[in-house]
Protein backbone atom coordinates (compact mmCIF):
# COMPACT_ATOMS: atom_id res chain seq x y z
CA MET A 1 4.19 -25.80 -21.97
CA THR A 2 4.96 -26.46 -25.64
CA PRO A 3 6.68 -29.83 -26.11
CA ALA A 4 9.18 -28.35 -28.58
CA ALA A 5 12.02 -30.85 -28.05
CA GLU A 6 10.01 -33.97 -28.82
CA LEU A 7 8.21 -32.29 -31.73
CA ASP A 8 11.57 -31.36 -33.24
CA GLY A 9 12.36 -35.08 -33.15
CA LEU A 10 9.56 -35.86 -35.61
CA HIS A 11 10.83 -36.59 -39.12
CA ILE A 12 9.85 -38.38 -42.29
CA VAL A 13 12.52 -40.86 -43.35
CA GLU A 14 12.89 -43.54 -45.99
CA LEU A 15 11.74 -46.97 -44.86
CA SER A 16 14.93 -48.41 -46.35
CA ARG A 17 16.95 -46.53 -43.70
CA LEU A 18 15.15 -48.13 -40.74
CA MET A 19 17.08 -51.00 -39.16
CA LEU A 20 14.87 -53.60 -37.47
CA HIS A 21 16.31 -55.64 -34.60
CA GLU A 22 13.08 -57.49 -33.84
CA SER A 23 10.61 -59.60 -35.79
CA HIS A 24 6.83 -59.15 -35.82
CA ASP A 25 3.67 -60.95 -34.77
CA PRO A 26 1.64 -61.79 -37.92
CA ASN A 27 -1.67 -61.36 -36.08
CA ARG A 28 -0.77 -57.92 -34.72
CA LEU A 29 0.62 -56.89 -38.10
CA SER A 30 -2.56 -57.89 -39.93
CA ARG A 31 -4.75 -55.87 -37.57
CA LEU A 32 -2.49 -52.82 -37.74
CA ARG A 33 -2.18 -52.90 -41.53
CA GLU A 34 -5.95 -53.09 -41.95
CA ARG A 35 -6.50 -50.24 -39.49
CA MET A 36 -3.91 -48.01 -41.16
CA ALA A 37 -5.37 -48.72 -44.61
CA SER A 38 -8.88 -47.95 -43.36
CA GLU A 39 -7.93 -44.74 -41.53
CA GLY A 40 -5.44 -43.56 -44.17
CA VAL A 41 -2.99 -42.28 -41.56
CA GLN A 42 0.06 -43.32 -39.55
CA SER A 43 -1.18 -42.39 -36.12
CA ASN A 44 1.92 -42.99 -34.00
CA PRO A 45 5.55 -42.46 -35.03
CA VAL A 46 8.11 -45.22 -35.19
CA ILE A 47 10.65 -44.66 -32.37
CA ALA A 48 14.26 -44.75 -33.60
CA SER A 49 17.77 -43.53 -32.88
CA SER A 50 20.37 -42.38 -35.38
CA TYR A 51 23.04 -44.95 -36.13
CA GLU A 52 25.72 -44.02 -38.68
CA ASP A 53 23.69 -43.05 -41.79
CA ASP A 54 20.58 -45.01 -40.81
CA PHE A 55 18.19 -45.40 -37.87
CA LEU A 56 17.90 -48.23 -35.36
CA VAL A 57 14.22 -48.89 -34.67
CA LEU A 58 13.60 -49.07 -30.93
CA ASP A 59 9.82 -49.46 -31.09
CA GLY A 60 7.53 -49.83 -34.07
CA ALA A 61 8.57 -52.91 -36.05
CA HIS A 62 4.90 -53.62 -36.82
CA ARG A 63 4.40 -50.08 -38.13
CA VAL A 64 7.43 -50.46 -40.40
CA HIS A 65 6.15 -53.76 -41.78
CA ALA A 66 2.61 -52.39 -42.20
CA LEU A 67 3.82 -49.36 -44.15
CA THR A 68 5.97 -51.59 -46.34
CA GLU A 69 3.10 -53.99 -47.05
CA LEU A 70 0.89 -51.01 -47.95
CA GLY A 71 3.40 -50.13 -50.68
CA LEU A 72 4.75 -46.96 -49.07
CA GLU A 73 8.36 -45.78 -49.10
CA LEU A 74 8.43 -43.31 -46.18
CA ALA A 75 7.63 -43.42 -42.49
CA LEU A 76 6.85 -40.97 -39.70
CA VAL A 77 9.61 -41.37 -37.10
CA GLN A 78 10.36 -39.84 -33.71
CA ILE A 79 14.14 -39.73 -33.35
CA ILE A 80 15.45 -39.92 -29.79
CA GLU A 81 18.88 -40.25 -28.21
CA VAL A 82 20.39 -43.72 -28.29
CA PRO A 83 19.66 -45.42 -24.94
CA ASP A 84 22.31 -47.68 -23.38
CA ARG A 85 20.10 -50.74 -23.20
CA ALA A 86 16.58 -52.05 -23.51
CA GLU A 87 14.36 -53.49 -20.84
CA SER A 88 12.50 -56.67 -21.71
CA TRP A 89 8.82 -57.46 -21.92
CA ARG A 90 7.56 -60.51 -20.06
CA HIS A 91 5.12 -62.88 -21.77
CA LEU A 92 2.12 -64.43 -20.06
CA VAL A 93 1.46 -67.77 -21.77
CA ASN A 94 -0.38 -71.04 -21.32
CA GLY A 95 2.09 -73.21 -19.44
CA SER A 96 1.14 -76.30 -21.43
CA SER A 97 2.50 -74.67 -24.58
CA LEU A 98 6.01 -74.95 -23.08
CA ALA A 99 5.77 -78.72 -22.64
CA GLY A 100 8.35 -79.31 -25.37
CA LEU A 101 10.99 -77.21 -23.64
CA GLU A 102 13.25 -80.14 -22.75
CA ARG A 103 13.39 -81.28 -26.38
CA LEU A 104 14.77 -78.03 -27.80
CA GLU A 105 18.21 -78.43 -29.37
CA GLY A 106 21.09 -76.31 -28.15
CA VAL A 107 19.15 -75.23 -25.07
CA GLU A 108 20.16 -75.85 -21.46
CA ILE A 109 17.30 -76.08 -18.97
CA SER A 110 17.96 -75.98 -15.25
CA PRO A 111 16.41 -74.80 -11.98
CA ARG A 112 16.95 -71.11 -11.39
CA SER A 113 20.55 -70.38 -10.50
CA ALA A 114 22.60 -67.36 -9.51
CA GLY A 115 24.08 -67.15 -13.00
CA GLY A 116 22.64 -65.26 -15.91
CA PHE A 117 19.88 -66.60 -18.14
CA THR A 118 18.68 -66.11 -21.69
CA ALA A 119 15.11 -66.57 -20.50
CA GLU A 120 13.48 -67.56 -17.22
CA ILE A 121 10.13 -69.28 -16.82
CA GLU A 122 7.97 -68.96 -13.74
CA ALA A 123 5.17 -71.48 -13.27
CA ALA A 124 1.96 -70.86 -11.32
CA ASP A 125 3.20 -73.13 -8.52
CA GLY A 126 6.29 -70.95 -8.04
CA ARG A 127 8.80 -73.16 -9.82
CA LEU A 128 11.49 -71.28 -11.76
CA LEU A 129 13.38 -72.64 -14.75
CA SER A 130 16.45 -71.04 -16.29
CA VAL A 131 16.80 -71.25 -20.09
CA LYS A 132 20.32 -70.78 -21.47
CA SER A 133 22.34 -71.39 -24.58
CA GLU A 134 24.67 -74.38 -24.48
CA THR A 135 27.37 -71.95 -25.66
CA PRO A 136 27.10 -69.12 -23.10
CA GLY A 137 28.44 -65.75 -24.09
CA ASP A 138 27.76 -66.31 -27.79
CA LEU A 139 25.17 -63.73 -28.88
CA ALA A 140 24.15 -65.60 -32.04
CA SER A 141 23.47 -68.75 -29.99
CA GLU A 142 21.40 -66.79 -27.48
CA VAL A 143 19.25 -65.33 -30.26
CA GLU A 144 18.70 -68.83 -31.64
CA VAL A 145 17.63 -70.02 -28.18
CA LEU A 146 15.00 -67.27 -28.06
CA TRP A 147 13.65 -68.28 -31.46
CA ARG A 148 13.44 -71.92 -30.38
CA LEU A 149 11.70 -70.98 -27.17
CA GLN A 150 9.11 -68.87 -28.98
CA SER A 151 8.55 -71.69 -31.48
CA LEU A 152 6.63 -73.35 -28.65
CA TYR A 153 4.15 -70.47 -28.40
CA PRO A 154 0.67 -71.20 -29.83
CA LYS A 155 0.57 -69.89 -33.39
CA SER A 156 -3.06 -68.77 -33.34
CA SER A 157 -3.13 -66.81 -30.09
CA THR A 158 -1.91 -63.34 -29.14
CA ILE A 159 0.69 -63.33 -26.38
CA THR A 160 -0.02 -61.03 -23.45
CA ARG A 161 2.91 -58.69 -22.83
CA VAL A 162 3.62 -57.71 -19.24
CA GLU A 163 5.55 -54.56 -18.30
CA PRO A 164 8.89 -54.95 -16.50
CA GLY A 165 8.27 -54.71 -12.77
CA GLU A 166 4.50 -55.18 -13.04
CA GLU A 167 3.15 -57.61 -10.43
CA VAL A 168 1.47 -60.69 -11.90
CA ALA A 169 -0.63 -63.26 -10.04
CA LEU A 170 -0.41 -66.40 -12.12
CA SER A 171 -3.50 -68.58 -12.41
CA GLU A 172 -3.31 -72.35 -12.60
CA GLY A 173 -1.89 -73.44 -15.94
CA GLU A 174 -0.26 -70.08 -16.69
CA ALA A 175 3.45 -69.34 -16.99
CA LEU A 176 5.42 -66.11 -17.14
CA VAL A 177 8.43 -65.93 -19.48
CA ARG A 178 11.10 -63.35 -18.62
CA TYR A 179 13.79 -62.45 -21.13
CA ARG A 180 17.26 -61.14 -20.42
CA SER A 181 17.85 -57.52 -21.41
CA PHE A 182 19.98 -56.42 -24.35
CA SER A 183 22.33 -53.49 -24.69
CA THR A 184 21.94 -51.22 -27.70
CA SER A 185 25.36 -52.33 -28.95
CA GLU A 186 24.14 -55.95 -28.85
CA LEU A 187 21.10 -55.01 -30.89
CA VAL A 188 23.33 -53.32 -33.46
CA GLU A 189 25.45 -56.50 -33.59
CA ILE A 190 22.32 -58.59 -34.13
CA VAL A 191 21.30 -56.36 -37.04
CA ALA A 192 24.82 -56.55 -38.47
CA ARG A 193 24.51 -60.35 -38.46
CA ASP A 194 21.45 -59.94 -40.70
CA THR A 195 19.15 -61.45 -38.11
CA VAL A 196 16.52 -60.24 -35.63
CA LEU A 197 15.16 -61.10 -32.21
CA PRO A 198 11.72 -62.71 -31.96
CA ALA A 199 8.81 -60.31 -31.60
CA GLY A 200 7.92 -58.63 -28.34
CA ILE A 201 11.14 -58.93 -26.36
CA THR A 202 12.76 -55.48 -26.16
CA ARG A 203 11.06 -52.64 -24.31
CA PHE A 204 12.56 -49.14 -24.44
CA HIS A 205 11.51 -46.44 -22.01
CA VAL A 206 10.63 -43.33 -24.06
CA PRO A 207 9.94 -40.46 -21.64
CA ARG A 208 8.57 -37.99 -24.21
CA ARG A 209 6.80 -40.26 -26.67
CA VAL A 210 4.61 -38.45 -29.23
CA LEU A 211 1.26 -40.12 -30.00
CA GLY A 212 -1.75 -39.40 -32.16
CA VAL A 213 -0.04 -37.43 -34.94
CA ARG A 214 -2.24 -39.02 -37.63
CA PHE A 215 0.00 -38.18 -40.56
CA PRO A 216 -1.71 -38.93 -43.93
CA LEU A 217 -0.39 -41.98 -45.76
CA ASP A 218 -0.71 -40.09 -49.06
CA PHE A 219 2.41 -38.09 -48.09
CA LEU A 220 4.35 -41.31 -47.45
CA LYS A 221 4.08 -42.44 -51.06
CA GLY A 222 7.08 -42.04 -53.33
CA ARG A 223 10.54 -41.07 -52.15
CA ASP A 224 10.23 -37.29 -51.72
CA ALA A 225 11.11 -37.10 -48.04
CA ASP A 226 11.77 -33.34 -48.25
CA PHE A 227 8.20 -32.65 -49.42
CA ALA A 228 6.77 -35.00 -46.78
CA ASN A 229 8.83 -33.32 -44.06
CA SER A 230 7.51 -29.94 -45.19
CA GLU A 231 3.94 -31.24 -44.87
CA LEU A 232 4.79 -32.68 -41.43
CA ARG A 233 6.11 -29.31 -40.23
CA SER A 234 2.93 -27.65 -41.51
CA LEU A 235 0.78 -30.16 -39.64
CA VAL A 236 2.73 -29.61 -36.42
CA GLU A 237 2.58 -25.82 -36.71
CA ARG A 238 -1.15 -25.91 -37.45
CA HIS A 239 -1.80 -27.99 -34.34
CA ARG A 240 0.44 -25.71 -32.31
CA ARG A 241 -1.40 -22.56 -33.44
CA GLU A 242 -4.75 -24.17 -32.68
CA HIS A 243 -3.53 -25.30 -29.22
CA ARG A 244 -4.22 -28.93 -30.12
CA ILE A 245 -0.99 -30.35 -28.69
CA ARG A 246 -0.99 -31.58 -25.09
CA ARG A 247 1.84 -32.90 -22.94
CA TYR A 248 1.06 -35.30 -20.11
CA ASP A 249 3.67 -36.10 -17.46
CA GLU A 250 1.58 -38.69 -15.63
CA PRO A 251 1.55 -42.37 -16.73
CA ILE A 252 -0.98 -43.12 -19.46
CA THR A 253 -3.07 -46.26 -19.94
CA LEU A 254 -3.69 -46.75 -23.67
CA PHE A 255 -6.34 -48.88 -25.36
CA GLU A 256 -4.82 -50.24 -28.58
């Protein structure tokens, strides 16, 4: 079956029209930028939804930053319908790195309660701590709490992201950080405030994600999006004619 709908969602757009709601991990960005420069292609599209005259990036902040740092003006994007809300990644961290939790300003720490939380921390011994803003209901304050919490993360290590719902057996000294989910309207509000969430919090479910396009970076130079889109359509049609496009319905495990 030809995956026409998701292929029709592939477009080349100006980087300046991509709205980022999330920051980036410098270590991940460095590795991605070097790989893209070496391979000379953008392998996977940025995932985004149309918002007014621009696009809200749902997944791919590192790709956007890498393309920008490589001096390009365009990006390969897969445009999907705006989802109602995002799930949240969980972060597996060294529990000792959270030792300064009680000293964070503007943050309320308490045993797990029935109320909502900005973040929740599970220790290996089963203890649960709720992390909240001292001004509940204020989105800007909640975002600041998340930044302060992640300021405790080790700067030199890569944080392990854990899928929502995935079972995790914590080893001694480990901790699992869960983040509250955000609606798409909240993400738009965050962008409108000219701020972003810390890296690796939001997780959008994309049922027909397109991977492995490998679009040449040479076509992402300059600002001629029409020409780049024409080249993209040619690439897609060539792969279609040669039966080099496959759709998989089963879950995929991907080595990055």
